[in-house]
Amino acid sequence: MTRNRAVLMAIALVCAACTTLRPVEAPREEIQRQILTGGLLKSGDRVRVTTTDGARHELRVAYVDERMGLVGSDGQTVRVQEIDALDKREVSAWNTAGLAAGLYFGFLFALAGIP
């Protein structure tokens, strides 16, 4: 029973490895410009925004209003001109491959203990 729990814990940890928050490496003005031109964010993106006052906001982008200069999600709105830094959640191909291999071998390991 303990071995099966260990396998399930390992699988859960591997599942968390599929995505990662990556900082957008650009000056503040460039990040803002890219958001307003529609090239950086789209609906459904998961981001962490740091505003000029130092506050951090975790958002799942619902819309980008270029005309009003707003990025919004369910219940939160951030003015683009207040964005100081942006971290964007991205899928990691290597981590996803690791997940697939981990799940495969994890299930083989778990099933090997069943008579």
C-alpha atoms as a PDB file:
ATOM      1  CA  MET A   1       0.000   0.000   0.000  1.00  0.00           C
ATOM      2  CA  THR A   2       2.835   2.425   0.791  1.00  0.00           C
ATOM      3  CA  ARG A   3       4.455   1.768  -2.577  1.00  0.00           C
ATOM      4  CA  ASN A   4       1.224   2.640  -4.397  1.00  0.00           C
ATOM      5  CA  ARG A   5       0.999   5.922  -2.488  1.00  0.00           C
ATOM      6  CA  ALA A   6       4.570   6.733  -3.413  1.00  0.00           C
ATOM      7  CA  VAL A   7       3.781   6.077  -7.083  1.00  0.00           C
ATOM      8  CA  LEU A   8       0.713   8.302  -6.935  1.00  0.00           C
ATOM      9  CA  MET A   9       2.723  11.077  -5.282  1.00  0.00           C
ATOM     10  CA  ALA A  10       5.424  10.797  -7.944  1.00  0.00           C
ATOM     11  CA  ILE A  11       2.823  10.968 -10.715  1.00  0.00           C
ATOM     12  CA  ALA A  12       1.279  14.070  -9.116  1.00  0.00           C
ATOM     13  CA  LEU A  13       4.691  15.747  -8.956  1.00  0.00           C
ATOM     14  CA  VAL A  14       5.427  14.930 -12.585  1.00  0.00           C
ATOM     15  CA  CYS A  15       2.047  16.369 -13.636  1.00  0.00           C
ATOM     16  CA  ALA A  16       2.979  19.704 -12.071  1.00  0.00           C
ATOM     17  CA  ALA A  17       6.111  19.834 -14.208  1.00  0.00           C
ATOM     18  CA  CYS A  18       4.297  20.353 -17.527  1.00  0.00           C
ATOM     19  CA  THR A  19       4.056  24.126 -17.244  1.00  0.00           C
ATOM     20  CA  THR A  20       6.360  26.797 -15.959  1.00  0.00           C
ATOM     21  CA  LEU A  21       6.208  30.535 -15.394  1.00  0.00           C
ATOM     22  CA  ARG A  22       8.746  32.267 -17.617  1.00  0.00           C
ATOM     23  CA  PRO A  23       9.541  35.961 -17.289  1.00  0.00           C
ATOM     24  CA  VAL A  24       9.104  38.089 -20.381  1.00  0.00           C
ATOM     25  CA  GLU A  25      12.634  39.391 -20.914  1.00  0.00           C
ATOM     26  CA  ALA A  26      12.002  42.930 -22.120  1.00  0.00           C
ATOM     27  CA  PRO A  27      11.953  46.446 -20.701  1.00  0.00           C
ATOM     28  CA  ARG A  28       8.703  47.591 -19.135  1.00  0.00           C
ATOM     29  CA  GLU A  29       7.814  49.857 -22.067  1.00  0.00           C
ATOM     30  CA  GLU A  30       8.345  47.029 -24.566  1.00  0.00           C
ATOM     31  CA  ILE A  31       6.133  44.650 -22.555  1.00  0.00           C
ATOM     32  CA  GLN A  32       3.392  47.280 -22.466  1.00  0.00           C
ATOM     33  CA  ARG A  33       3.742  47.964 -26.203  1.00  0.00           C
ATOM     34  CA  GLN A  34       3.544  44.262 -27.062  1.00  0.00           C
ATOM     35  CA  ILE A  35       0.429  43.842 -24.923  1.00  0.00           C
ATOM     36  CA  LEU A  36      -1.282  46.826 -26.558  1.00  0.00           C
ATOM     37  CA  THR A  37      -0.454  45.653 -30.080  1.00  0.00           C
ATOM     38  CA  GLY A  38      -1.947  42.229 -29.355  1.00  0.00           C
ATOM     39  CA  GLY A  39       1.271  40.279 -29.814  1.00  0.00           C
ATOM     40  CA  LEU A  40       2.001  39.160 -26.256  1.00  0.00           C
ATOM     41  CA  LEU A  41      -1.220  38.096 -24.539  1.00  0.00           C
ATOM     42  CA  LYS A  42      -4.346  36.338 -25.708  1.00  0.00           C
ATOM     43  CA  SER A  43      -7.473  35.058 -24.053  1.00  0.00           C
ATOM     44  CA  GLY A  44      -6.762  32.005 -21.907  1.00  0.00           C
ATOM     45  CA  ASP A  45      -3.126  32.832 -21.127  1.00  0.00           C
ATOM     46  CA  ARG A  46      -2.093  32.357 -17.496  1.00  0.00           C
ATOM     47  CA  VAL A  47       0.192  35.123 -16.309  1.00  0.00           C
ATOM     48  CA  ARG A  48       1.637  36.716 -13.191  1.00  0.00           C
ATOM     49  CA  VAL A  49       1.715  40.492 -13.471  1.00  0.00           C
ATOM     50  CA  THR A  50       3.836  42.705 -11.240  1.00  0.00           C
ATOM     51  CA  THR A  51       2.586  46.270 -11.174  1.00  0.00           C
ATOM     52  CA  THR A  52       4.580  49.454 -10.587  1.00  0.00           C
ATOM     53  CA  ASP A  53       3.454  49.508  -6.932  1.00  0.00           C
ATOM     54  CA  GLY A  54       5.020  46.050  -6.401  1.00  0.00           C
ATOM     55  CA  ALA A  55       1.736  44.124  -6.210  1.00  0.00           C
ATOM     56  CA  ARG A  56       1.535  40.723  -7.922  1.00  0.00           C
ATOM     57  CA  HIS A  57      -1.586  39.519  -9.681  1.00  0.00           C
ATOM     58  CA  GLU A  58      -2.201  35.972 -10.927  1.00  0.00           C
ATOM     59  CA  LEU A  59      -4.473  36.195 -13.952  1.00  0.00           C
ATOM     60  CA  ARG A  60      -6.075  33.931 -16.496  1.00  0.00           C
ATOM     61  CA  VAL A  61      -6.482  36.465 -19.277  1.00  0.00           C
ATOM     62  CA  ALA A  62     -10.097  36.837 -20.357  1.00  0.00           C
ATOM     63  CA  TYR A  63      -9.534  39.874 -22.548  1.00  0.00           C
ATOM     64  CA  VAL A  64      -7.053  42.528 -23.592  1.00  0.00           C
ATOM     65  CA  ASP A  65      -8.677  45.875 -24.347  1.00  0.00           C
ATOM     66  CA  GLU A  66      -6.069  47.691 -26.426  1.00  0.00           C
ATOM     67  CA  ARG A  67      -8.209  50.819 -26.757  1.00  0.00           C
ATOM     68  CA  MET A  68      -8.754  51.218 -22.994  1.00  0.00           C
ATOM     69  CA  GLY A  69      -5.335  49.799 -22.067  1.00  0.00           C
ATOM     70  CA  LEU A  70      -6.663  47.025 -19.824  1.00  0.00           C
ATOM     71  CA  VAL A  71      -5.915  43.358 -19.211  1.00  0.00           C
ATOM     72  CA  GLY A  72      -8.756  41.542 -17.503  1.00  0.00           C
ATOM     73  CA  SER A  73      -9.682  38.217 -16.029  1.00  0.00           C
ATOM     74  CA  ASP A  74     -12.580  36.996 -13.945  1.00  0.00           C
ATOM     75  CA  GLY A  75     -12.854  39.626 -11.227  1.00  0.00           C
ATOM     76  CA  GLN A  76      -9.566  41.477 -11.869  1.00  0.00           C
ATOM     77  CA  THR A  77      -8.484  44.235 -14.208  1.00  0.00           C
ATOM     78  CA  VAL A  78      -4.973  45.642 -14.564  1.00  0.00           C
ATOM     79  CA  ARG A  79      -4.055  48.788 -16.459  1.00  0.00           C
ATOM     80  CA  VAL A  80      -1.362  48.051 -19.027  1.00  0.00           C
ATOM     81  CA  GLN A  81       0.532  51.236 -18.147  1.00  0.00           C
ATOM     82  CA  GLU A  82       0.866  49.958 -14.551  1.00  0.00           C
ATOM     83  CA  ILE A  83       2.503  46.665 -15.603  1.00  0.00           C
ATOM     84  CA  ASP A  84       6.151  46.568 -14.542  1.00  0.00           C
ATOM     85  CA  ALA A  85       6.956  42.883 -15.212  1.00  0.00           C
ATOM     86  CA  LEU A  86       5.169  39.891 -16.682  1.00  0.00           C
ATOM     87  CA  ASP A  87       5.649  36.159 -16.196  1.00  0.00           C
ATOM     88  CA  LYS A  88       3.825  33.922 -18.653  1.00  0.00           C
ATOM     89  CA  ARG A  89       2.925  30.280 -18.041  1.00  0.00           C
ATOM     90  CA  GLU A  90       4.177  28.107 -20.888  1.00  0.00           C
ATOM     91  CA  VAL A  91       4.093  24.418 -21.656  1.00  0.00           C
ATOM     92  CA  SER A  92       7.488  22.758 -21.517  1.00  0.00           C
ATOM     93  CA  ALA A  93       7.950  20.081 -24.186  1.00  0.00           C
ATOM     94  CA  TRP A  94      10.666  18.280 -22.197  1.00  0.00           C
ATOM     95  CA  ASN A  95       8.621  18.307 -19.015  1.00  0.00           C
ATOM     96  CA  THR A  96       5.584  17.018 -20.896  1.00  0.00           C
ATOM     97  CA  ALA A  97       7.675  14.187 -22.366  1.00  0.00           C
ATOM     98  CA  GLY A  98       8.884  13.464 -18.832  1.00  0.00           C
ATOM     99  CA  LEU A  99       5.281  13.367 -17.671  1.00  0.00           C
ATOM    100  CA  ALA A 100       4.344  10.830 -20.330  1.00  0.00           C
ATOM    101  CA  ALA A 101       7.336   8.624 -19.502  1.00  0.00           C
ATOM    102  CA  GLY A 102       6.741   9.025 -15.761  1.00  0.00           C
ATOM    103  CA  LEU A 103       3.086   8.051 -16.065  1.00  0.00           C
ATOM    104  CA  TYR A 104       3.921   5.053 -18.231  1.00  0.00           C
ATOM    105  CA  PHE A 105       6.629   3.691 -15.948  1.00  0.00           C
ATOM    106  CA  GLY A 106       4.685   4.691 -12.837  1.00  0.00           C
ATOM    107  CA  PHE A 107       1.690   2.645 -13.903  1.00  0.00           C
ATOM    108  CA  LEU A 108       3.920  -0.283 -14.853  1.00  0.00           C
ATOM    109  CA  PHE A 109       5.557  -0.090 -11.434  1.00  0.00           C
ATOM    110  CA  ALA A 110       2.190   0.183  -9.653  1.00  0.00           C
ATOM    111  CA  LEU A 111       0.676  -2.693 -11.612  1.00  0.00           C
ATOM    112  CA  ALA A 112       3.715  -4.922 -11.006  1.00  0.00           C
ATOM    113  CA  GLY A 113       2.790  -5.039  -7.330  1.00  0.00           C
ATOM    114  CA  ILE A 114      -0.696  -6.410  -8.080  1.00  0.00           C
ATOM    115  CA  PRO A 115      -0.892 -10.232  -8.133  1.00  0.00           C
END
